Structures are given as structure tokens and as C-alpha cells.
Protein backbone atom coordinates (compact mmCIF):
# COMPACT_ATOMS: atom_id res chain seq x y z
CA MET A 1 5.92 -41.17 25.15
CA LEU A 2 7.16 -44.53 26.72
CA HIS A 3 9.50 -42.48 29.06
CA TYR A 4 6.69 -40.67 30.45
CA ALA A 5 4.53 -43.83 30.81
CA VAL A 6 7.38 -45.26 32.98
CA VAL A 7 7.75 -41.99 34.89
CA PHE A 8 3.94 -42.10 35.97
CA PHE A 9 4.10 -45.82 36.74
CA ILE A 10 6.94 -45.17 39.11
CA ILE A 11 5.25 -42.23 40.74
CA ALA A 12 2.15 -44.64 41.16
CA VAL A 13 4.18 -47.31 42.76
CA ILE A 14 5.74 -44.97 45.09
CA ALA A 15 2.50 -43.16 45.76
CA ALA A 16 0.95 -46.68 46.63
CA LEU A 17 3.82 -47.59 48.93
CA LEU A 18 3.30 -44.43 51.01
CA GLY A 19 -0.50 -44.87 51.03
CA PHE A 20 -1.58 -42.20 48.54
CA SER A 21 -4.27 -44.30 47.02
CA GLY A 22 -6.05 -41.51 45.09
CA ILE A 23 -2.71 -40.07 43.53
CA ALA A 24 -1.80 -43.76 42.98
CA GLY A 25 -4.79 -44.73 40.95
CA ALA A 26 -4.50 -41.40 38.86
CA ALA A 27 -0.82 -41.86 38.19
CA THR A 28 -1.68 -45.55 37.11
CA ASN A 29 -4.42 -44.42 34.61
CA ILE A 30 -2.24 -41.68 33.32
CA ALA A 31 0.49 -44.39 32.86
CA TRP A 32 -1.93 -46.70 31.09
CA ILE A 33 -3.06 -44.23 28.64
CA LEU A 34 0.24 -43.22 27.67
CA PHE A 35 1.42 -46.81 27.12
CA VAL A 36 -1.66 -47.33 24.84
CA VAL A 37 -1.00 -44.31 22.85
CA PHE A 38 2.83 -45.32 22.47
CA LEU A 39 1.68 -48.78 21.28
CA SER A 40 -0.67 -47.24 18.71
CA MET A 41 1.62 -44.73 17.41
CA GLY A 42 4.46 -47.36 16.99
CA ALA A 43 1.97 -49.66 15.14
CA ILE A 44 0.80 -46.88 12.94
CA SER A 45 4.54 -46.04 12.17
CA LEU A 46 5.28 -49.45 11.47
CA LEU A 47 2.51 -49.79 9.11
CA ARG A 48 3.35 -46.53 7.44
CA GLY A 49 6.92 -47.47 6.87
CA ARG A 50 6.18 -50.52 4.80
CA LYS A 51 6.04 -50.10 1.03
CA VAL A 52 3.01 -52.09 -0.56
């Protein structure tokens, strides 16, 4: 999941450098969503792994 977020972020940076603002914005949004999903799944797995 984190790998895909980094890939979309790199695509966004390259698209922004080339002047494709629409593609850069979309790729940035996708990267942000994937990163948030990664963080939430990481937090859930961390909490589920603990024995209370």
C-alpha cells in the first residue's frame, strides 16, 4: 500500500514538472488516500496485535 502511494506521488511530481496540473492533482489525491489507508491499516494491525 505504501509502495503505491509513493509511486503515485512520484507520478504527481513528474506531471507537475511537465506542466500537467490536472494529472498531478489527481495523482496527489490518490497518493494521499493510499497513504491514509496505509496508516489506518497499520494502526489497526498494531492495536489488534496487542494482548489485553
